[in-house]
Amino acid sequence: MGRPLLYEVLNYVFIFVSGLLVGYFTLHEFLFSFNEVMIDYKINESFIKPGLPLFDIILIKNSQFSIAVFLLGFNKFIQYLVMFIAGLISGLLLSPLMPICAALGGILPHGLLELTGYALAGVGGYKYFGLHVISLRDSLVKYLLPSLVLLIIAALIEAFITLKIILIIPTCSV
């Protein structure tokens, strides 16, 4: 009998959050010039305007990542590595942009759903490609489809609500 789904999902979330924390609290000091380039890119490309165009970008990016994590299910270590690196990059991009409480306020509303979506895709991919304990149909219906539904909801929250939350908490102290 396998581990409970919650345990498996939390493993993926823990790996991502570990990368996020490493990127946010440590590595950004060494890579600040990289962050300046990314900030300029986001501002110059009007990436931070909320609405449907942002929703489309977020949904496509997140769906592609979720499908990639699913397809990497033949090796859980590779899935974990990809999740850690994605968290690391997210932490690097957040660090110079906002204080921790604004980052948490902006990330938590959509991030919990987004990470759960990635984790479900990872679990489904591993159960099908790695363990061969479920059929492709079951893997798609029980894991990847719910993952994509969570990502749609998360993208709506991120595109229409997250930036408003971040603007409400411009400065804060912990």
C-alpha atoms as a PDB file:
ATOM      1  CA  MET A   1       0.000   0.000   0.000  1.00  0.00           C
ATOM      2  CA  GLY A   2       1.336   3.427  -0.920  1.00  0.00           C
ATOM      3  CA  ARG A   3       1.730   6.523   1.183  1.00  0.00           C
ATOM      4  CA  PRO A   4      -1.256   8.820   1.705  1.00  0.00           C
ATOM      5  CA  LEU A   5      -1.724  11.422  -1.029  1.00  0.00           C
ATOM      6  CA  LEU A   6      -1.333  14.314   1.414  1.00  0.00           C
ATOM      7  CA  TYR A   7       2.097  13.026   2.453  1.00  0.00           C
ATOM      8  CA  GLU A   8       3.206  12.737  -1.169  1.00  0.00           C
ATOM      9  CA  VAL A   9       1.890  16.206  -2.068  1.00  0.00           C
ATOM     10  CA  LEU A  10       3.581  17.759   0.956  1.00  0.00           C
ATOM     11  CA  ASN A  11       6.931  16.280  -0.117  1.00  0.00           C
ATOM     12  CA  TYR A  12       6.789  18.180  -3.417  1.00  0.00           C
ATOM     13  CA  VAL A  13       5.613  21.360  -1.677  1.00  0.00           C
ATOM     14  CA  PHE A  14       8.423  21.085   0.901  1.00  0.00           C
ATOM     15  CA  ILE A  15      11.040  20.724  -1.850  1.00  0.00           C
ATOM     16  CA  PHE A  16       9.721  23.790  -3.717  1.00  0.00           C
ATOM     17  CA  VAL A  17       9.454  25.905  -0.562  1.00  0.00           C
ATOM     18  CA  SER A  18      12.988  24.893   0.440  1.00  0.00           C
ATOM     19  CA  GLY A  19      14.289  26.221  -2.870  1.00  0.00           C
ATOM     20  CA  LEU A  20      12.189  29.364  -2.485  1.00  0.00           C
ATOM     21  CA  LEU A  21      13.635  30.075   0.950  1.00  0.00           C
ATOM     22  CA  VAL A  22      17.213  29.442  -0.172  1.00  0.00           C
ATOM     23  CA  GLY A  23      16.738  31.802  -3.101  1.00  0.00           C
ATOM     24  CA  TYR A  24      14.955  34.475  -1.099  1.00  0.00           C
ATOM     25  CA  PHE A  25      17.213  34.594   1.944  1.00  0.00           C
ATOM     26  CA  THR A  26      20.685  33.711   0.686  1.00  0.00           C
ATOM     27  CA  LEU A  27      21.553  33.580  -2.967  1.00  0.00           C
ATOM     28  CA  HIS A  28      19.960  36.878  -4.005  1.00  0.00           C
ATOM     29  CA  GLU A  29      22.830  38.786  -2.399  1.00  0.00           C
ATOM     30  CA  PHE A  30      25.256  37.127  -4.817  1.00  0.00           C
ATOM     31  CA  LEU A  31      23.029  37.503  -7.843  1.00  0.00           C
ATOM     32  CA  PHE A  32      21.625  41.007  -7.388  1.00  0.00           C
ATOM     33  CA  SER A  33      22.668  42.085 -10.880  1.00  0.00           C
ATOM     34  CA  PHE A  34      20.598  39.198 -12.295  1.00  0.00           C
ATOM     35  CA  ASN A  35      17.624  40.464 -10.289  1.00  0.00           C
ATOM     36  CA  GLU A  36      18.085  44.023 -11.585  1.00  0.00           C
ATOM     37  CA  VAL A  37      17.882  42.691 -15.140  1.00  0.00           C
ATOM     38  CA  MET A  38      14.727  40.711 -14.323  1.00  0.00           C
ATOM     39  CA  ILE A  39      13.101  43.709 -12.607  1.00  0.00           C
ATOM     40  CA  ASP A  40      13.823  45.897 -15.647  1.00  0.00           C
ATOM     41  CA  TYR A  41      12.422  43.199 -17.926  1.00  0.00           C
ATOM     42  CA  LYS A  42       9.215  42.840 -15.925  1.00  0.00           C
ATOM     43  CA  ILE A  43       8.649  46.584 -15.741  1.00  0.00           C
ATOM     44  CA  ASN A  44       9.620  47.331 -19.344  1.00  0.00           C
ATOM     45  CA  GLU A  45       7.469  44.510 -20.719  1.00  0.00           C
ATOM     46  CA  SER A  46       4.466  45.659 -18.626  1.00  0.00           C
ATOM     47  CA  PHE A  47       4.395  42.191 -17.155  1.00  0.00           C
ATOM     48  CA  ILE A  48       3.001  43.425 -13.883  1.00  0.00           C
ATOM     49  CA  LYS A  49      -0.317  44.730 -15.254  1.00  0.00           C
ATOM     50  CA  PRO A  50      -3.156  42.586 -13.917  1.00  0.00           C
ATOM     51  CA  GLY A  51      -5.906  41.162 -16.111  1.00  0.00           C
ATOM     52  CA  LEU A  52      -6.590  38.630 -18.818  1.00  0.00           C
ATOM     53  CA  PRO A  53      -3.251  38.929 -20.672  1.00  0.00           C
ATOM     54  CA  LEU A  54      -1.434  38.227 -17.422  1.00  0.00           C
ATOM     55  CA  PHE A  55      -3.822  35.345 -16.709  1.00  0.00           C
ATOM     56  CA  ASP A  56      -2.990  33.805 -20.096  1.00  0.00           C
ATOM     57  CA  ILE A  57       0.759  34.096 -19.502  1.00  0.00           C
ATOM     58  CA  ILE A  58       0.522  32.648 -16.002  1.00  0.00           C
ATOM     59  CA  LEU A  59      -1.779  29.791 -16.996  1.00  0.00           C
ATOM     60  CA  ILE A  60       0.383  28.750 -19.948  1.00  0.00           C
ATOM     61  CA  LYS A  61       3.600  28.920 -17.917  1.00  0.00           C
ATOM     62  CA  ASN A  62       2.172  27.021 -14.966  1.00  0.00           C
ATOM     63  CA  SER A  63       0.466  24.389 -17.125  1.00  0.00           C
ATOM     64  CA  GLN A  64       3.677  23.754 -19.016  1.00  0.00           C
ATOM     65  CA  PHE A  65       5.574  23.360 -15.765  1.00  0.00           C
ATOM     66  CA  SER A  66       2.942  21.025 -14.332  1.00  0.00           C
ATOM     67  CA  ILE A  67       2.990  18.837 -17.444  1.00  0.00           C
ATOM     68  CA  ALA A  68       6.802  18.775 -17.369  1.00  0.00           C
ATOM     69  CA  VAL A  69       6.781  17.630 -13.729  1.00  0.00           C
ATOM     70  CA  PHE A  70       4.212  14.976 -14.688  1.00  0.00           C
ATOM     71  CA  LEU A  71       6.323  13.728 -17.603  1.00  0.00           C
ATOM     72  CA  LEU A  72       9.436  13.598 -15.421  1.00  0.00           C
ATOM     73  CA  GLY A  73       7.651  11.026 -13.278  1.00  0.00           C
ATOM     74  CA  PHE A  74      10.024   8.293 -14.387  1.00  0.00           C
ATOM     75  CA  ASN A  75      12.478   9.613 -11.764  1.00  0.00           C
ATOM     76  CA  LYS A  76      11.333  11.228  -8.519  1.00  0.00           C
ATOM     77  CA  PHE A  77      14.796  12.694  -7.844  1.00  0.00           C
ATOM     78  CA  ILE A  78      14.620  14.637 -11.121  1.00  0.00           C
ATOM     79  CA  GLN A  79      11.111  15.811 -10.247  1.00  0.00           C
ATOM     80  CA  TYR A  80      12.336  17.008  -6.846  1.00  0.00           C
ATOM     81  CA  LEU A  81      15.348  18.707  -8.418  1.00  0.00           C
ATOM     82  CA  VAL A  82      13.127  20.572 -10.891  1.00  0.00           C
ATOM     83  CA  MET A  83      10.768  21.624  -8.075  1.00  0.00           C
ATOM     84  CA  PHE A  84      13.703  22.850  -5.953  1.00  0.00           C
ATOM     85  CA  ILE A  85      15.191  24.846  -8.844  1.00  0.00           C
ATOM     86  CA  ALA A  86      11.792  26.375  -9.656  1.00  0.00           C
ATOM     87  CA  GLY A  87      11.474  27.430  -6.002  1.00  0.00           C
ATOM     88  CA  LEU A  88      15.027  28.771  -6.023  1.00  0.00           C
ATOM     89  CA  ILE A  89      14.332  30.910  -9.088  1.00  0.00           C
ATOM     90  CA  SER A  90      11.080  32.170  -7.569  1.00  0.00           C
ATOM     91  CA  GLY A  91      12.936  33.149  -4.400  1.00  0.00           C
ATOM     92  CA  LEU A  92      15.629  34.921  -6.398  1.00  0.00           C
ATOM     93  CA  LEU A  93      13.062  36.917  -8.341  1.00  0.00           C
ATOM     94  CA  LEU A  94      11.078  37.889  -5.254  1.00  0.00           C
ATOM     95  CA  SER A  95      13.897  38.926  -2.999  1.00  0.00           C
ATOM     96  CA  PRO A  96      14.718  42.426  -4.240  1.00  0.00           C
ATOM     97  CA  LEU A  97      11.147  43.245  -5.166  1.00  0.00           C
ATOM     98  CA  MET A  98       9.426  43.214  -1.797  1.00  0.00           C
ATOM     99  CA  PRO A  99       9.777  42.639   1.920  1.00  0.00           C
ATOM    100  CA  ILE A 100       8.931  39.202   3.295  1.00  0.00           C
ATOM    101  CA  CYS A 101       5.428  40.046   4.521  1.00  0.00           C
ATOM    102  CA  ALA A 102       4.455  41.531   1.138  1.00  0.00           C
ATOM    103  CA  ALA A 103       5.942  38.491  -0.585  1.00  0.00           C
ATOM    104  CA  LEU A 104       3.959  36.139   1.654  1.00  0.00           C
ATOM    105  CA  GLY A 105       0.789  38.179   1.229  1.00  0.00           C
ATOM    106  CA  GLY A 106       1.212  38.066  -2.510  1.00  0.00           C
ATOM    107  CA  ILE A 107       2.252  34.441  -2.785  1.00  0.00           C
ATOM    108  CA  LEU A 108       0.032  32.609  -0.310  1.00  0.00           C
ATOM    109  CA  PRO A 109      -3.390  33.245  -1.904  1.00  0.00           C
ATOM    110  CA  HIS A 110      -2.447  31.670  -5.225  1.00  0.00           C
ATOM    111  CA  GLY A 111       0.738  29.839  -4.246  1.00  0.00           C
ATOM    112  CA  LEU A 112      -0.914  27.167  -2.138  1.00  0.00           C
ATOM    113  CA  LEU A 113      -3.162  26.159  -5.017  1.00  0.00           C
ATOM    114  CA  GLU A 114      -0.338  26.416  -7.542  1.00  0.00           C
ATOM    115  CA  LEU A 115       2.049  24.257  -5.505  1.00  0.00           C
ATOM    116  CA  THR A 116      -0.663  21.696  -4.848  1.00  0.00           C
ATOM    117  CA  GLY A 117      -1.300  21.569  -8.594  1.00  0.00           C
ATOM    118  CA  TYR A 118       2.381  20.961  -9.334  1.00  0.00           C
ATOM    119  CA  ALA A 119       2.557  18.324  -6.599  1.00  0.00           C
ATOM    120  CA  LEU A 120      -0.516  16.458  -7.874  1.00  0.00           C
ATOM    121  CA  ALA A 121       1.001  16.383 -11.344  1.00  0.00           C
ATOM    122  CA  GLY A 122       4.254  15.074  -9.896  1.00  0.00           C
ATOM    123  CA  VAL A 123       2.548  12.351  -7.870  1.00  0.00           C
ATOM    124  CA  GLY A 124       0.449  11.252 -10.853  1.00  0.00           C
ATOM    125  CA  GLY A 125       3.450  11.161 -13.151  1.00  0.00           C
ATOM    126  CA  TYR A 126       5.505   9.171 -10.675  1.00  0.00           C
ATOM    127  CA  LYS A 127       2.713   6.672 -10.047  1.00  0.00           C
ATOM    128  CA  TYR A 128       2.342   6.087 -13.784  1.00  0.00           C
ATOM    129  CA  PHE A 129       5.860   6.457 -15.217  1.00  0.00           C
ATOM    130  CA  GLY A 130       7.931   5.525 -12.178  1.00  0.00           C
ATOM    131  CA  LEU A 131       5.980   2.957 -10.191  1.00  0.00           C
ATOM    132  CA  HIS A 132       3.615   1.696 -12.912  1.00  0.00           C
ATOM    133  CA  VAL A 133       0.884   1.254 -10.292  1.00  0.00           C
ATOM    134  CA  ILE A 134      -1.898   3.124 -12.119  1.00  0.00           C
ATOM    135  CA  SER A 135      -3.054   3.396 -15.714  1.00  0.00           C
ATOM    136  CA  LEU A 136      -2.405   6.441 -17.859  1.00  0.00           C
ATOM    137  CA  ARG A 137      -6.125   7.218 -17.805  1.00  0.00           C
ATOM    138  CA  ASP A 138      -6.224   7.116 -13.986  1.00  0.00           C
ATOM    139  CA  SER A 139      -3.081   9.217 -13.812  1.00  0.00           C
ATOM    140  CA  LEU A 140      -4.580  11.852 -16.098  1.00  0.00           C
ATOM    141  CA  VAL A 141      -8.055  11.869 -14.522  1.00  0.00           C
ATOM    142  CA  LYS A 142      -7.085  11.581 -10.851  1.00  0.00           C
ATOM    143  CA  TYR A 143      -3.941  13.720 -10.852  1.00  0.00           C
ATOM    144  CA  LEU A 144      -3.188  15.800 -13.947  1.00  0.00           C
ATOM    145  CA  LEU A 145      -6.730  17.075 -14.568  1.00  0.00           C
ATOM    146  CA  PRO A 146      -7.234  18.208 -10.940  1.00  0.00           C
ATOM    147  CA  SER A 147      -3.756  19.741 -11.138  1.00  0.00           C
ATOM    148  CA  LEU A 148      -4.773  21.832 -14.135  1.00  0.00           C
ATOM    149  CA  VAL A 149      -8.042  22.886 -12.463  1.00  0.00           C
ATOM    150  CA  LEU A 150      -6.068  24.116  -9.437  1.00  0.00           C
ATOM    151  CA  LEU A 151      -3.686  25.962 -11.767  1.00  0.00           C
ATOM    152  CA  ILE A 152      -6.597  27.730 -13.504  1.00  0.00           C
ATOM    153  CA  ILE A 153      -7.948  28.927 -10.152  1.00  0.00           C
ATOM    154  CA  ALA A 154      -4.449  29.932  -9.000  1.00  0.00           C
ATOM    155  CA  ALA A 155      -3.824  31.848 -12.241  1.00  0.00           C
ATOM    156  CA  LEU A 156      -7.095  33.759 -11.814  1.00  0.00           C
ATOM    157  CA  ILE A 157      -6.112  34.715  -8.275  1.00  0.00           C
ATOM    158  CA  GLU A 158      -2.573  35.643  -9.334  1.00  0.00           C
ATOM    159  CA  ALA A 159      -3.678  37.724 -12.318  1.00  0.00           C
ATOM    160  CA  PHE A 160      -6.522  39.594 -10.670  1.00  0.00           C
ATOM    161  CA  ILE A 161      -5.867  39.643  -6.912  1.00  0.00           C
ATOM    162  CA  THR A 162      -2.176  39.105  -6.091  1.00  0.00           C
ATOM    163  CA  LEU A 163      -0.911  42.458  -7.371  1.00  0.00           C
ATOM    164  CA  LYS A 164      -3.661  44.257  -5.477  1.00  0.00           C
ATOM    165  CA  ILE A 165      -2.601  42.497  -2.278  1.00  0.00           C
ATOM    166  CA  ILE A 166       1.045  43.398  -2.851  1.00  0.00           C
ATOM    167  CA  LEU A 167       0.113  47.056  -3.379  1.00  0.00           C
ATOM    168  CA  ILE A 168      -1.888  47.098  -0.130  1.00  0.00           C
ATOM    169  CA  ILE A 169       1.201  45.926   1.802  1.00  0.00           C
ATOM    170  CA  PRO A 170       3.903  48.203   0.317  1.00  0.00           C
ATOM    171  CA  THR A 171       5.950  48.392   3.489  1.00  0.00           C
ATOM    172  CA  CYS A 172       5.889  46.211   6.529  1.00  0.00           C
ATOM    173  CA  SER A 173       8.173  45.067   9.256  1.00  0.00           C
ATOM    174  CA  VAL A 174       8.467  41.625  10.729  1.00  0.00           C
END
